Amino acid sequence: MITEENHPTKPKLAFAEEAAIERQTSPESPSEILIVDDEPTLRMGFRIALTSEGHQVEEAPDGETAVAQIRSRPNPYHVVVLDLRMPGMDGLEVADFLAKEQIVQPTLILSAHLTAELALRAMLSGVADFLVKPVRPSELRSAVSRIVAEEKALSDGRPLVDEDASLRFLTRRRNFTAAKELAGESSSPVWRMLLPQLASTSSESPVLHEDIDVLSELTSQS
């Protein structure tokens, strides 16, 4: 589990101090979410589901527009909800672009056509969160809230809720080596299987083990 003692990027003495200052001076601001889908009705449904929880939502109808919006911001969105299959630049190409540009952008991939192989390709580009369409509003809200909570916990200097949450945090940063070293007996089998391969290849799809339903394991986390 990542805590202030073993955080991979921040000096541990800064954690409590920064968190205290933030709580005293900054009101809780809404999370900013980008929905990327070529289906207008789905974007509208996702927007309603998320704004009902107080999130601020922007939309993009395709991958090219999404990349432009992400690049134009001084800070990443809290979460990008990204469709896998779209005309032009698809979801995997968006994730690949962000990885090549070294942009850390928490991303939730949604697709009716998601396979274990596609999910693993996305993981190599820093995606750790997936849902299979059709997605119920409650599933989307739960997944987005979990990602926001995991990311905020580290910024506030609080430990993440469990070891898998820490592994997702590191995967979003494509820090597979640190994730592999952190993974232990309390990690889910899918993470213990994938991380050594992700850390060693980081450019090729890992080999799947038939005795583990990778897609089911990955999507059940949301």
Protein backbone atom coordinates (compact mmCIF):
# COMPACT_ATOMS: atom_id res chain seq x y z
CA MET A 1 0.00 0.00 0.00
CA ILE A 2 1.26 3.51 -0.82
CA THR A 3 1.49 5.78 2.21
CA GLU A 4 3.37 8.95 3.06
CA GLU A 5 6.34 6.77 4.05
CA ASN A 6 6.79 5.11 0.64
CA HIS A 7 5.14 7.57 -1.77
CA PRO A 8 7.02 7.28 -5.10
CA THR A 9 7.15 10.99 -5.96
CA LYS A 10 6.72 13.27 -2.95
CA PRO A 11 8.97 13.88 0.11
CA LYS A 12 7.11 12.42 3.06
CA LEU A 13 7.49 15.50 5.29
CA ALA A 14 5.37 17.50 2.84
CA PHE A 15 2.30 15.29 3.11
CA ALA A 16 0.62 16.34 6.36
CA GLU A 17 1.65 19.97 5.97
CA GLU A 18 0.26 20.30 2.44
CA ALA A 19 -2.95 18.46 3.31
CA ALA A 20 -3.55 20.69 6.35
CA ILE A 21 -3.03 23.87 4.31
CA GLU A 22 -5.39 22.60 1.60
CA ARG A 23 -8.13 21.76 4.08
CA GLN A 24 -7.84 25.17 5.75
CA THR A 25 -7.68 27.36 2.64
CA SER A 26 -9.45 25.50 -0.17
CA PRO A 27 -13.12 24.56 -0.28
CA GLU A 28 -13.92 21.20 -1.76
CA SER A 29 -14.19 21.77 -5.51
CA PRO A 30 -16.19 19.60 -7.91
CA SER A 31 -14.30 16.96 -9.85
CA GLU A 32 -13.82 17.77 -13.53
CA ILE A 33 -14.72 14.92 -15.86
CA LEU A 34 -14.31 14.64 -19.64
CA ILE A 35 -16.69 12.28 -21.46
CA VAL A 36 -15.38 11.08 -24.83
CA ASP A 37 -17.89 9.18 -26.97
CA ASP A 38 -19.12 9.52 -30.55
CA GLU A 39 -22.71 8.71 -29.50
CA PRO A 40 -24.49 11.95 -28.43
CA THR A 41 -27.20 10.10 -26.51
CA LEU A 42 -24.62 8.20 -24.47
CA ARG A 43 -22.70 11.38 -23.72
CA MET A 44 -25.91 12.99 -22.52
CA GLY A 45 -26.76 10.01 -20.32
CA PHE A 46 -23.27 9.90 -18.84
CA ARG A 47 -23.38 13.66 -18.24
CA ILE A 48 -26.69 13.38 -16.36
CA ALA A 49 -25.38 10.49 -14.27
CA LEU A 50 -22.26 12.38 -13.24
CA THR A 51 -23.62 15.90 -12.80
CA SER A 52 -26.25 14.45 -10.47
CA GLU A 53 -23.35 13.61 -8.17
CA GLY A 54 -21.94 17.14 -8.35
CA HIS A 55 -19.21 16.55 -10.94
CA GLN A 56 -18.42 19.18 -13.58
CA VAL A 57 -18.62 17.53 -16.99
CA GLU A 58 -17.21 18.43 -20.40
CA GLU A 59 -17.73 16.43 -23.58
CA ALA A 60 -15.76 15.46 -26.67
CA PRO A 61 -17.29 13.65 -29.67
CA ASP A 62 -14.05 12.01 -30.81
CA GLY A 63 -10.47 11.23 -29.88
CA GLU A 64 -8.92 14.18 -31.70
CA THR A 65 -11.12 16.67 -29.84
CA ALA A 66 -10.42 14.93 -26.53
CA VAL A 67 -6.65 15.16 -27.03
CA ALA A 68 -6.93 18.86 -27.88
CA GLN A 69 -8.99 19.52 -24.75
CA ILE A 70 -6.60 17.57 -22.52
CA ARG A 71 -3.54 19.33 -23.95
CA SER A 72 -5.12 22.77 -23.54
CA ARG A 73 -5.51 22.38 -19.77
CA PRO A 74 -2.90 23.36 -17.16
CA ASN A 75 -3.92 20.29 -15.11
CA PRO A 76 -5.42 16.92 -16.08
CA TYR A 77 -9.10 16.17 -15.71
CA HIS A 78 -9.88 14.21 -12.57
CA VAL A 79 -11.14 11.43 -14.86
CA VAL A 80 -11.54 10.96 -18.61
CA VAL A 81 -14.40 8.59 -19.46
CA LEU A 82 -13.24 7.21 -22.80
CA ASP A 83 -15.07 5.10 -25.36
CA LEU A 84 -12.87 2.42 -26.91
CA ARG A 85 -14.29 2.34 -30.45
CA MET A 86 -14.75 5.67 -32.23
CA PRO A 87 -14.28 6.87 -35.81
CA GLY A 88 -10.88 8.41 -36.41
CA MET A 89 -8.73 8.38 -33.30
CA ASP A 90 -10.08 5.60 -31.07
CA GLY A 91 -9.74 5.14 -27.33
CA LEU A 92 -6.54 3.09 -27.49
CA GLU A 93 -4.93 5.69 -29.74
CA VAL A 94 -5.87 8.42 -27.27
CA ALA A 95 -4.31 6.41 -24.42
CA ASP A 96 -1.19 5.72 -26.51
CA PHE A 97 -0.85 9.41 -27.35
CA LEU A 98 -1.10 10.44 -23.70
CA ALA A 99 1.55 7.87 -22.78
CA LYS A 100 3.95 9.07 -25.48
CA GLU A 101 3.42 12.68 -24.37
CA GLN A 102 3.98 11.56 -20.75
CA ILE A 103 0.65 13.04 -19.69
CA VAL A 104 -0.67 11.41 -16.53
CA GLN A 105 -4.42 11.39 -17.06
CA PRO A 106 -6.63 9.02 -15.03
CA THR A 107 -8.80 7.32 -17.63
CA LEU A 108 -11.81 5.00 -17.45
CA ILE A 109 -12.32 3.01 -20.65
CA LEU A 110 -15.85 1.94 -21.57
CA SER A 111 -16.68 -0.45 -24.39
CA ALA A 112 -19.09 -3.12 -25.52
CA HIS A 113 -16.19 -4.67 -27.43
CA LEU A 114 -13.60 -4.81 -24.67
CA THR A 115 -11.42 -7.91 -24.64
CA ALA A 116 -8.68 -8.95 -22.26
CA GLU A 117 -6.08 -8.27 -24.96
CA LEU A 118 -7.38 -4.74 -25.58
CA ALA A 119 -7.52 -4.02 -21.85
CA LEU A 120 -3.91 -5.12 -21.47
CA ARG A 121 -2.81 -2.92 -24.36
CA ALA A 122 -4.51 0.00 -22.63
CA MET A 123 -2.77 -0.82 -19.36
CA LEU A 124 0.59 -0.47 -21.08
CA SER A 125 -0.48 3.11 -21.83
CA GLY A 126 -1.44 3.81 -18.23
CA VAL A 127 -5.11 2.83 -18.12
CA ALA A 128 -6.08 0.91 -14.99
CA ASP A 129 -9.86 1.26 -14.99
CA PHE A 130 -12.47 -0.37 -17.23
CA LEU A 131 -16.21 -0.90 -17.59
CA VAL A 132 -18.06 -3.04 -20.14
CA LYS A 133 -21.02 -1.44 -21.93
CA PRO A 134 -23.90 -1.23 -21.44
CA VAL A 135 -23.03 0.71 -18.30
CA ARG A 136 -25.62 1.48 -15.64
CA PRO A 137 -25.51 5.03 -14.19
CA SER A 138 -24.70 3.62 -10.75
CA GLU A 139 -21.72 1.70 -12.18
CA LEU A 140 -20.35 4.82 -13.86
CA ARG A 141 -20.79 6.96 -10.77
CA SER A 142 -19.14 4.31 -8.60
CA ALA A 143 -16.14 3.88 -10.91
CA VAL A 144 -15.56 7.62 -11.33
CA SER A 145 -15.92 8.25 -7.59
CA ARG A 146 -13.43 5.49 -6.82
CA ILE A 147 -10.83 6.88 -9.22
CA VAL A 148 -11.27 10.41 -7.85
CA ALA A 149 -10.99 9.13 -4.27
CA GLU A 150 -7.83 7.12 -5.00
CA GLU A 151 -6.12 10.05 -6.70
CA LYS A 152 -7.17 12.53 -4.00
CA ALA A 153 -6.03 10.27 -1.18
CA LEU A 154 -2.43 10.49 -2.36
CA SER A 155 -2.58 14.24 -2.92
CA ASP A 156 -3.91 14.61 0.65
CA GLY A 157 -1.22 12.36 2.08
CA ARG A 158 -3.65 9.63 3.10
CA PRO A 159 -3.02 5.92 2.54
CA LEU A 160 -5.04 4.23 -0.18
CA VAL A 161 -7.81 1.89 0.87
CA ASP A 162 -6.17 -1.34 -0.27
CA GLU A 163 -3.20 -2.71 -2.16
CA ASP A 164 -5.04 -2.97 -5.49
CA ALA A 165 -5.85 0.75 -5.25
CA SER A 166 -2.15 1.48 -4.88
CA LEU A 167 -1.39 -0.71 -7.89
CA ARG A 168 -3.97 1.13 -9.98
CA PHE A 169 -2.43 4.45 -8.92
CA LEU A 170 1.02 3.34 -10.07
CA THR A 171 -0.31 1.81 -13.28
CA ARG A 172 -1.92 5.13 -14.22
CA ARG A 173 1.60 6.55 -14.02
CA ARG A 174 3.01 3.59 -15.98
CA ASN A 175 5.31 2.85 -13.05
CA PHE A 176 5.06 -0.90 -13.49
CA THR A 177 8.35 -1.64 -11.74
CA ALA A 178 7.24 0.05 -8.51
CA ALA A 179 3.84 -1.64 -8.78
CA LYS A 180 5.47 -5.05 -9.24
CA GLU A 181 7.61 -4.51 -6.13
CA LEU A 182 4.56 -3.40 -4.13
CA ALA A 183 2.28 -6.28 -5.16
CA GLY A 184 1.92 -8.86 -2.42
CA GLU A 185 -0.31 -11.65 -1.19
CA SER A 186 -3.17 -9.23 -0.52
CA SER A 187 -3.17 -8.11 -4.17
CA SER A 188 -5.67 -9.74 -6.51
CA PRO A 189 -4.36 -12.61 -8.69
CA VAL A 190 -4.75 -10.63 -11.90
CA TRP A 191 -2.38 -7.91 -10.69
CA ARG A 192 0.18 -10.43 -9.43
CA MET A 193 0.07 -12.12 -12.84
CA LEU A 194 0.22 -9.03 -15.03
CA LEU A 195 2.63 -6.68 -13.30
CA PRO A 196 5.85 -8.68 -13.77
CA GLN A 197 5.09 -8.90 -17.48
CA LEU A 198 4.10 -5.24 -17.76
CA ALA A 199 7.29 -4.23 -15.96
CA SER A 200 9.49 -6.38 -18.18
CA THR A 201 7.93 -5.65 -21.57
CA SER A 202 6.20 -2.25 -21.37
CA SER A 203 5.84 -2.44 -25.15
CA GLU A 204 4.25 -5.80 -25.91
CA SER A 205 0.99 -7.32 -24.78
CA PRO A 206 1.55 -9.64 -21.81
CA VAL A 207 0.83 -13.36 -22.11
CA LEU A 208 -2.57 -14.31 -20.72
CA HIS A 209 -3.04 -17.19 -18.30
CA GLU A 210 -6.08 -19.31 -19.11
CA ASP A 211 -6.89 -19.93 -15.46
CA ILE A 212 -7.50 -16.23 -14.74
CA ASP A 213 -10.39 -14.32 -16.30
CA VAL A 214 -8.45 -11.11 -16.82
CA LEU A 215 -11.31 -9.04 -18.22
CA SER A 216 -13.70 -10.06 -15.46
CA GLU A 217 -11.11 -9.29 -12.79
CA LEU A 218 -10.26 -5.87 -14.21
CA THR A 219 -13.83 -4.69 -14.71
CA SER A 220 -15.04 -6.00 -11.34
CA GLN A 221 -12.74 -3.53 -9.57
CA SER A 222 -14.95 -0.64 -10.66
